[in-house]
Amino acid sequence: MAPKPEPGRRVVADNRSARYHYAIEDVIEAGIALTGTEVKSLRGGKATIGESYAGPSGNDLMLFNAYIPEYLEANRFNHDTKRPRRLLLHRRQINKLIGATQRQGYTVIPLKIYFNDKGRAKVELGLGKGKQLHDKRESVKERDWQRDKARLMRDKG
């Protein structure tokens, strides 16, 4: 059974493999600085963030390698599809994320891009460490057991 979407939140891109490859410890919502054609293209829902990550660039936190396709109706004023995009966070949050990546070996991974109830594009960032192969096997085993347990309970009663 799929999780129910939150009211007023329209998910555009989802990084489903992030929770498999990383042990997510903290989740932060950030704004994202986009051009007009990027917003229009995002509303079409074809963006991918599977191989993207967030990292420091000067004093800012940037989203690297996120693919937002070109907007077909914009001709010469289109955007670059994989350009680095600035993440809009408070200074304290930026310092916390940069410190965690540089000192403690964490990675900042985008989990979702969505539009909130006001129509603003937001990114859900996860702060996590990469899983080892045995951790991945353990999470697959746990997920399978939860699925089997739900199936047994559903069939039984």
N, C-alpha and C. Protein backbone atom coordinates (compact mmCIF):
# COMPACT_ATOMS: atom_id res chain seq x y z
N MET A 1 0.84 -1.17 0.00
CA MET A 1 0.00 0.00 0.00
C MET A 1 0.90 1.24 0.00
N ALA A 2 0.67 2.14 -0.93
CA ALA A 2 1.49 3.34 -1.06
C ALA A 2 1.15 4.33 0.05
N PRO A 3 2.16 5.10 0.52
CA PRO A 3 1.87 6.11 1.55
C PRO A 3 0.97 7.20 0.99
N LYS A 4 0.09 7.69 1.84
CA LYS A 4 -0.84 8.73 1.40
C LYS A 4 -0.11 10.06 1.31
N PRO A 5 -0.32 10.81 0.23
CA PRO A 5 0.34 12.11 0.11
C PRO A 5 -0.22 13.10 1.10
N GLU A 6 0.65 14.00 1.54
CA GLU A 6 0.21 15.03 2.46
C GLU A 6 -0.65 16.05 1.71
N PRO A 7 -1.64 16.64 2.34
CA PRO A 7 -2.49 17.61 1.66
C PRO A 7 -1.69 18.85 1.27
N GLY A 8 -1.90 19.34 0.06
CA GLY A 8 -1.23 20.55 -0.40
C GLY A 8 0.19 20.31 -0.87
N ARG A 9 0.61 19.06 -1.00
CA ARG A 9 1.98 18.75 -1.40
C ARG A 9 1.92 17.89 -2.66
N ARG A 10 2.44 18.41 -3.77
CA ARG A 10 2.44 17.67 -5.03
C ARG A 10 3.88 17.30 -5.37
N VAL A 11 4.21 16.02 -5.20
CA VAL A 11 5.57 15.54 -5.41
C VAL A 11 5.86 15.49 -6.90
N VAL A 12 6.99 16.08 -7.29
CA VAL A 12 7.38 16.14 -8.69
C VAL A 12 8.45 15.10 -8.99
N ALA A 13 9.43 14.98 -8.09
CA ALA A 13 10.51 14.01 -8.27
C ALA A 13 10.78 13.34 -6.93
N ASP A 14 11.02 12.03 -6.97
CA ASP A 14 11.22 11.25 -5.76
C ASP A 14 12.48 10.40 -5.91
N ASN A 15 13.34 10.44 -4.91
CA ASN A 15 14.57 9.65 -4.93
C ASN A 15 14.33 8.42 -4.06
N ARG A 16 13.74 7.38 -4.64
CA ARG A 16 13.35 6.21 -3.86
C ARG A 16 14.55 5.36 -3.43
N SER A 17 15.61 5.41 -4.19
CA SER A 17 16.77 4.58 -3.85
C SER A 17 17.63 5.19 -2.74
N ALA A 18 17.37 6.43 -2.37
CA ALA A 18 18.21 7.10 -1.36
C ALA A 18 18.11 6.40 -0.01
N ARG A 19 16.92 5.98 0.38
CA ARG A 19 16.77 5.32 1.68
C ARG A 19 17.35 3.92 1.66
N TYR A 20 17.57 3.35 0.49
CA TYR A 20 18.23 2.05 0.38
C TYR A 20 19.75 2.19 0.48
N HIS A 21 20.30 3.21 -0.16
CA HIS A 21 21.76 3.39 -0.19
C HIS A 21 22.30 4.15 1.00
N TYR A 22 21.46 4.91 1.70
CA TYR A 22 21.92 5.75 2.81
C TYR A 22 21.06 5.51 4.04
N ALA A 23 21.68 5.62 5.20
CA ALA A 23 20.96 5.61 6.47
C ALA A 23 20.64 7.07 6.80
N ILE A 24 19.42 7.49 6.55
CA ILE A 24 19.00 8.88 6.71
C ILE A 24 18.75 9.14 8.20
N GLU A 25 19.44 10.15 8.76
CA GLU A 25 19.29 10.47 10.17
C GLU A 25 18.47 11.74 10.41
N ASP A 26 18.51 12.68 9.47
CA ASP A 26 17.81 13.94 9.66
C ASP A 26 17.21 14.37 8.33
N VAL A 27 16.02 14.96 8.36
CA VAL A 27 15.35 15.43 7.14
C VAL A 27 15.08 16.92 7.29
N ILE A 28 15.44 17.69 6.26
CA ILE A 28 15.29 19.14 6.28
C ILE A 28 14.59 19.57 5.00
N GLU A 29 13.67 20.52 5.13
CA GLU A 29 13.00 21.09 3.96
C GLU A 29 13.74 22.37 3.56
N ALA A 30 14.03 22.49 2.26
CA ALA A 30 14.74 23.67 1.76
C ALA A 30 14.03 24.19 0.53
N GLY A 31 14.11 25.50 0.34
CA GLY A 31 13.64 26.09 -0.90
C GLY A 31 14.72 25.91 -1.96
N ILE A 32 14.35 26.14 -3.20
CA ILE A 32 15.31 25.99 -4.30
C ILE A 32 15.14 27.17 -5.24
N ALA A 33 16.27 27.78 -5.63
CA ALA A 33 16.24 28.93 -6.52
C ALA A 33 16.18 28.43 -7.96
N LEU A 34 15.07 28.71 -8.65
CA LEU A 34 14.86 28.23 -10.01
C LEU A 34 14.56 29.39 -10.95
N THR A 35 14.81 29.18 -12.23
CA THR A 35 14.38 30.14 -13.24
C THR A 35 12.95 29.81 -13.65
N GLY A 36 12.35 30.69 -14.42
CA GLY A 36 10.95 30.50 -14.82
C GLY A 36 10.72 29.25 -15.64
N THR A 37 11.62 28.96 -16.57
CA THR A 37 11.43 27.77 -17.41
C THR A 37 11.63 26.49 -16.59
N GLU A 38 12.47 26.55 -15.56
CA GLU A 38 12.64 25.37 -14.70
C GLU A 38 11.36 25.07 -13.91
N VAL A 39 10.71 26.12 -13.43
CA VAL A 39 9.47 25.92 -12.69
C VAL A 39 8.40 25.34 -13.60
N LYS A 40 8.28 25.88 -14.80
CA LYS A 40 7.28 25.38 -15.74
C LYS A 40 7.56 23.93 -16.13
N SER A 41 8.84 23.60 -16.29
CA SER A 41 9.21 22.24 -16.62
C SER A 41 8.95 21.29 -15.44
N LEU A 42 9.21 21.76 -14.22
CA LEU A 42 8.95 20.94 -13.04
C LEU A 42 7.46 20.62 -12.91
N ARG A 43 6.61 21.57 -13.25
CA ARG A 43 5.18 21.32 -13.16
C ARG A 43 4.75 20.20 -14.09
N GLY A 44 5.52 19.96 -15.14
CA GLY A 44 5.26 18.83 -16.03
C GLY A 44 5.59 17.49 -15.39
N GLY A 45 6.46 17.50 -14.37
CA GLY A 45 6.72 16.30 -13.59
C GLY A 45 7.74 15.34 -14.16
N LYS A 46 8.70 15.79 -14.96
CA LYS A 46 9.66 14.89 -15.57
C LYS A 46 11.07 14.98 -14.96
N ALA A 47 11.22 15.61 -13.83
CA ALA A 47 12.54 15.79 -13.23
C ALA A 47 13.02 14.49 -12.59
N THR A 48 14.36 14.32 -12.53
CA THR A 48 14.94 13.16 -11.86
C THR A 48 16.04 13.65 -10.91
N ILE A 49 16.05 13.07 -9.72
CA ILE A 49 17.06 13.43 -8.72
C ILE A 49 17.76 12.18 -8.20
N GLY A 50 17.73 11.11 -8.97
CA GLY A 50 18.30 9.84 -8.54
C GLY A 50 19.79 9.90 -8.28
N GLU A 51 20.54 10.62 -9.10
CA GLU A 51 21.99 10.68 -8.94
C GLU A 51 22.46 12.05 -8.45
N SER A 52 21.57 12.83 -7.89
CA SER A 52 21.94 14.17 -7.45
C SER A 52 22.35 14.17 -5.98
N TYR A 53 23.03 15.24 -5.58
CA TYR A 53 23.49 15.42 -4.21
C TYR A 53 23.60 16.91 -3.93
N ALA A 54 23.70 17.26 -2.66
CA ALA A 54 23.86 18.66 -2.27
C ALA A 54 25.23 18.82 -1.61
N GLY A 55 25.88 19.94 -1.89
CA GLY A 55 27.19 20.18 -1.32
C GLY A 55 27.50 21.65 -1.25
N PRO A 56 28.55 22.00 -0.54
CA PRO A 56 28.90 23.41 -0.38
C PRO A 56 29.53 23.99 -1.64
N SER A 57 29.23 25.24 -1.88
CA SER A 57 29.86 26.01 -2.95
C SER A 57 30.01 27.43 -2.42
N GLY A 58 31.20 27.74 -1.94
CA GLY A 58 31.39 29.03 -1.28
C GLY A 58 30.69 28.99 0.07
N ASN A 59 29.82 29.97 0.30
CA ASN A 59 29.07 30.02 1.55
C ASN A 59 27.67 29.45 1.42
N ASP A 60 27.33 28.91 0.25
CA ASP A 60 25.99 28.41 -0.01
C ASP A 60 25.99 26.91 -0.13
N LEU A 61 24.79 26.35 -0.07
CA LEU A 61 24.60 24.93 -0.31
C LEU A 61 23.93 24.82 -1.68
N MET A 62 24.49 23.98 -2.54
CA MET A 62 24.00 23.87 -3.91
C MET A 62 23.51 22.44 -4.16
N LEU A 63 22.55 22.32 -5.06
CA LEU A 63 22.06 21.02 -5.50
C LEU A 63 22.72 20.72 -6.84
N PHE A 64 23.53 19.67 -6.86
CA PHE A 64 24.28 19.31 -8.06
C PHE A 64 23.65 18.11 -8.74
N ASN A 65 23.75 18.09 -10.06
CA ASN A 65 23.41 16.91 -10.88
C ASN A 65 21.93 16.55 -10.87
N ALA A 66 21.06 17.48 -10.53
CA ALA A 66 19.62 17.24 -10.61
C ALA A 66 19.17 17.58 -12.03
N TYR A 67 18.44 16.67 -12.65
CA TYR A 67 18.03 16.85 -14.04
C TYR A 67 16.61 17.41 -14.09
N ILE A 68 16.49 18.63 -14.61
CA ILE A 68 15.19 19.23 -14.90
C ILE A 68 15.16 19.45 -16.41
N PRO A 69 14.31 18.75 -17.14
CA PRO A 69 14.34 18.84 -18.60
C PRO A 69 14.00 20.24 -19.10
N GLU A 70 14.42 20.50 -20.33
CA GLU A 70 14.12 21.81 -20.93
C GLU A 70 12.62 21.94 -21.13
N TYR A 71 12.16 23.17 -20.98
CA TYR A 71 10.75 23.47 -21.22
C TYR A 71 10.56 23.64 -22.72
N LEU A 72 9.71 22.84 -23.31
CA LEU A 72 9.62 22.78 -24.77
C LEU A 72 9.10 24.07 -25.39
N GLU A 73 8.23 24.79 -24.70
CA GLU A 73 7.67 26.02 -25.28
C GLU A 73 8.62 27.21 -25.20
N ALA A 74 9.68 27.11 -24.40
CA ALA A 74 10.66 28.20 -24.33
C ALA A 74 11.75 27.90 -25.35
N ASN A 75 12.03 28.84 -26.22
CA ASN A 75 12.99 28.55 -27.28
C ASN A 75 14.41 28.87 -26.85
N ARG A 76 14.87 30.07 -27.02
CA ARG A 76 16.27 30.38 -26.73
C ARG A 76 16.50 30.79 -25.28
N PHE A 77 15.44 30.97 -24.51
CA PHE A 77 15.58 31.39 -23.12
C PHE A 77 15.55 30.21 -22.17
N ASN A 78 15.82 29.02 -22.68
CA ASN A 78 15.76 27.83 -21.87
C ASN A 78 16.93 27.74 -20.91
N HIS A 79 16.85 26.84 -19.95
CA HIS A 79 17.87 26.66 -18.92
C HIS A 79 18.73 25.44 -19.25
N ASP A 80 19.89 25.37 -18.60
CA ASP A 80 20.75 24.20 -18.69
C ASP A 80 20.15 23.11 -17.81
N THR A 81 20.06 21.89 -18.32
CA THR A 81 19.30 20.85 -17.63
C THR A 81 19.94 20.38 -16.32
N LYS A 82 21.26 20.36 -16.22
CA LYS A 82 21.92 19.86 -15.00
C LYS A 82 22.75 20.91 -14.30
N ARG A 83 22.34 22.17 -14.39
CA ARG A 83 23.12 23.22 -13.74
C ARG A 83 23.00 23.12 -12.22
N PRO A 84 24.02 23.60 -11.47
CA PRO A 84 23.89 23.62 -10.01
C PRO A 84 22.84 24.65 -9.58
N ARG A 85 22.00 24.26 -8.65
CA ARG A 85 20.91 25.14 -8.19
C ARG A 85 21.10 25.44 -6.71
N ARG A 86 20.91 26.71 -6.37
CA ARG A 86 21.12 27.17 -5.00
C ARG A 86 19.97 26.72 -4.11
N LEU A 87 20.31 26.20 -2.93
CA LEU A 87 19.30 25.80 -1.96
C LEU A 87 19.11 26.93 -0.96
N LEU A 88 17.87 27.23 -0.64
CA LEU A 88 17.54 28.36 0.23
C LEU A 88 17.28 27.85 1.64
N LEU A 89 18.26 28.09 2.50
CA LEU A 89 18.20 27.66 3.90
C LEU A 89 18.67 28.79 4.79
N HIS A 90 18.37 28.68 6.07
CA HIS A 90 18.91 29.63 7.04
C HIS A 90 20.40 29.37 7.21
N ARG A 91 21.14 30.38 7.59
CA ARG A 91 22.60 30.27 7.73
C ARG A 91 22.98 29.17 8.73
N ARG A 92 22.23 29.06 9.82
CA ARG A 92 22.52 28.05 10.83
C ARG A 92 22.35 26.64 10.24
N GLN A 93 21.31 26.44 9.43
CA GLN A 93 21.09 25.14 8.80
C GLN A 93 22.20 24.82 7.80
N ILE A 94 22.62 25.83 7.03
CA ILE A 94 23.70 25.62 6.06
C ILE A 94 24.98 25.23 6.79
N ASN A 95 25.31 25.95 7.86
CA ASN A 95 26.52 25.63 8.62
C ASN A 95 26.46 24.23 9.22
N LYS A 96 25.30 23.82 9.69
CA LYS A 96 25.14 22.48 10.26
C LYS A 96 25.37 21.41 9.20
N LEU A 97 24.78 21.59 8.01
CA LEU A 97 24.92 20.60 6.95
C LEU A 97 26.34 20.55 6.41
N ILE A 98 26.95 21.71 6.20
CA ILE A 98 28.33 21.74 5.70
C ILE A 98 29.27 21.12 6.73
N GLY A 99 29.09 21.43 8.00
CA GLY A 99 29.92 20.86 9.05
C GLY A 99 29.79 19.35 9.12
N ALA A 100 28.57 18.84 8.97
CA ALA A 100 28.36 17.39 9.03
C ALA A 100 29.02 16.69 7.85
N THR A 101 28.98 17.32 6.67
CA THR A 101 29.59 16.67 5.51
C THR A 101 31.11 16.71 5.58
N GLN A 102 31.67 17.79 6.11
CA GLN A 102 33.12 17.91 6.12
C GLN A 102 33.78 17.19 7.29
N ARG A 103 33.14 17.20 8.46
CA ARG A 103 33.77 16.63 9.65
C ARG A 103 33.37 15.18 9.91
N GLN A 104 32.10 14.86 9.78
CA GLN A 104 31.63 13.56 10.23
C GLN A 104 31.37 12.58 9.10
N GLY A 105 31.63 12.94 7.87
CA GLY A 105 31.48 12.00 6.76
C GLY A 105 30.06 11.75 6.32
N TYR A 106 29.17 12.70 6.56
CA TYR A 106 27.79 12.57 6.12
C TYR A 106 27.65 13.03 4.68
N THR A 107 26.52 12.68 4.07
CA THR A 107 26.18 13.13 2.71
C THR A 107 24.80 13.76 2.78
N VAL A 108 24.61 14.84 2.00
CA VAL A 108 23.30 15.48 1.92
C VAL A 108 22.66 15.03 0.61
N ILE A 109 21.54 14.31 0.73
CA ILE A 109 20.88 13.71 -0.42
C ILE A 109 19.49 14.30 -0.58
N PRO A 110 19.12 14.73 -1.77
CA PRO A 110 17.73 15.17 -1.97
C PRO A 110 16.81 13.96 -2.03
N LEU A 111 15.75 13.98 -1.23
CA LEU A 111 14.81 12.87 -1.19
C LEU A 111 13.60 13.12 -2.09
N LYS A 112 13.11 14.36 -2.13
CA LYS A 112 11.94 14.70 -2.94
C LYS A 112 12.05 16.14 -3.41
N ILE A 113 11.47 16.42 -4.55
CA ILE A 113 11.18 17.79 -4.98
C ILE A 113 9.67 17.86 -5.12
N TYR A 114 9.08 18.89 -4.51
CA TYR A 114 7.63 19.00 -4.53
C TYR A 114 7.22 20.47 -4.51
N PHE A 115 5.96 20.70 -4.79
CA PHE A 115 5.35 22.03 -4.67
C PHE A 115 4.50 22.03 -3.41
N ASN A 116 4.70 23.03 -2.54
CA ASN A 116 3.90 23.10 -1.32
C ASN A 116 2.54 23.71 -1.61
N ASP A 117 1.75 23.95 -0.58
CA ASP A 117 0.39 24.46 -0.79
C ASP A 117 0.36 25.88 -1.33
N LYS A 118 1.47 26.62 -1.19
CA LYS A 118 1.55 27.97 -1.76
C LYS A 118 2.06 27.97 -3.19
N GLY A 119 2.42 26.81 -3.72
CA GLY A 119 2.92 26.71 -5.08
C GLY A 119 4.43 26.91 -5.20
N ARG A 120 5.15 26.89 -4.10
CA ARG A 120 6.60 27.07 -4.12
C ARG A 120 7.29 25.72 -4.25
N ALA A 121 8.36 25.69 -5.03
CA ALA A 121 9.14 24.46 -5.19
C ALA A 121 10.03 24.27 -3.97
N LYS A 122 9.97 23.09 -3.38
CA LYS A 122 10.76 22.76 -2.20
C LYS A 122 11.51 21.46 -2.44
N VAL A 123 12.62 21.30 -1.71
CA VAL A 123 13.41 20.08 -1.76
C VAL A 123 13.47 19.51 -0.35
N GLU A 124 13.22 18.23 -0.23
CA GLU A 124 13.37 17.55 1.05
C GLU A 124 14.75 16.91 1.05
N LEU A 125 15.62 17.40 1.94
CA LEU A 125 17.00 16.92 2.01
C LEU A 125 17.15 15.95 3.17
N GLY A 126 17.92 14.89 2.93
CA GLY A 126 18.22 13.93 3.97
C GLY A 126 19.70 13.97 4.29
N LEU A 127 20.02 13.98 5.58
CA LEU A 127 21.41 13.94 6.02
C LEU A 127 21.68 12.51 6.47
N GLY A 128 22.57 11.83 5.76
CA GLY A 128 22.78 10.43 6.07
C GLY A 128 24.17 9.94 5.73
N LYS A 129 24.45 8.72 6.18
CA LYS A 129 25.71 8.05 5.89
C LYS A 129 25.44 6.90 4.94
N GLY A 130 26.40 6.61 4.09
CA GLY A 130 26.25 5.50 3.16
C GLY A 130 26.21 4.17 3.87
N LYS A 131 25.34 3.27 3.39
CA LYS A 131 25.22 1.96 3.99
C LYS A 131 26.25 1.01 3.38
N GLN A 132 26.73 0.07 4.19
CA GLN A 132 27.56 -1.02 3.70
C GLN A 132 26.64 -2.07 3.08
N LEU A 133 27.22 -3.03 2.38
CA LEU A 133 26.43 -4.05 1.69
C LEU A 133 25.61 -4.88 2.67
N HIS A 134 26.18 -5.22 3.82
CA HIS A 134 25.42 -6.02 4.79
C HIS A 134 24.26 -5.24 5.37
N ASP A 135 24.40 -3.91 5.50
CA ASP A 135 23.28 -3.08 5.98
C ASP A 135 22.16 -3.07 4.95
N LYS A 136 22.52 -3.04 3.67
CA LYS A 136 21.51 -3.06 2.62
C LYS A 136 20.75 -4.38 2.63
N ARG A 137 21.48 -5.47 2.82
CA ARG A 137 20.83 -6.78 2.88
C ARG A 137 19.87 -6.84 4.07
N GLU A 138 20.30 -6.27 5.18
CA GLU A 138 19.47 -6.27 6.39
C GLU A 138 18.18 -5.47 6.16
N SER A 139 18.28 -4.33 5.48
CA SER A 139 17.08 -3.53 5.24
C SER A 139 16.14 -4.23 4.27
N VAL A 140 16.68 -4.96 3.28
CA VAL A 140 15.84 -5.72 2.35
C VAL A 140 15.13 -6.84 3.11
N LYS A 141 15.85 -7.53 4.01
CA LYS A 141 15.26 -8.60 4.79
C LYS A 141 14.15 -8.06 5.69
N GLU A 142 14.38 -6.93 6.32
CA GLU A 142 13.38 -6.31 7.19
C GLU A 142 12.13 -5.90 6.40
N ARG A 143 12.34 -5.32 5.22
CA ARG A 143 11.22 -4.90 4.38
C ARG A 143 10.40 -6.11 3.93
N ASP A 144 11.08 -7.20 3.53
CA ASP A 144 10.37 -8.41 3.11
C ASP A 144 9.57 -9.01 4.26
N TRP A 145 10.17 -9.00 5.47
CA TRP A 145 9.46 -9.54 6.62
C TRP A 145 8.22 -8.72 6.93
N GLN A 146 8.32 -7.40 6.85
CA GLN A 146 7.16 -6.54 7.10
C GLN A 146 6.06 -6.81 6.08
N ARG A 147 6.43 -7.02 4.84
CA ARG A 147 5.46 -7.30 3.78
C ARG A 147 4.78 -8.65 4.03
N ASP A 148 5.58 -9.67 4.38
CA ASP A 148 5.01 -10.99 4.65
C ASP A 148 4.11 -10.97 5.87
N LYS A 149 4.53 -10.23 6.90
CA LYS A 149 3.74 -10.11 8.11
C LYS A 149 2.39 -9.45 7.81
N ALA A 150 2.40 -8.39 7.02
CA ALA A 150 1.16 -7.71 6.64
C ALA A 150 0.26 -8.64 5.83
N ARG A 151 0.86 -9.43 4.94
CA ARG A 151 0.10 -10.36 4.12
C ARG A 151 -0.55 -11.44 4.99
N LEU A 152 0.21 -11.97 5.97
CA LEU A 152 -0.34 -12.98 6.86
C LEU A 152 -1.50 -12.44 7.70
N MET A 153 -1.32 -11.23 8.22
CA MET A 153 -2.37 -10.63 9.04
C MET A 153 -3.62 -10.34 8.20
N ARG A 154 -3.42 -9.91 6.96
CA ARG A 154 -4.54 -9.61 6.09
C ARG A 154 -5.30 -10.88 5.74
N ASP A 155 -4.57 -11.97 5.44
CA ASP A 155 -5.23 -13.23 5.07
C ASP A 155 -5.90 -13.90 6.25
N LYS A 156 -5.33 -13.72 7.43
CA LYS A 156 -5.85 -14.37 8.62
C LYS A 156 -7.14 -13.72 9.11
N GLY A 157 -7.18 -12.41 9.11
CA GLY A 157 -8.33 -11.78 9.74
C GLY A 157 -8.90 -10.74 8.91
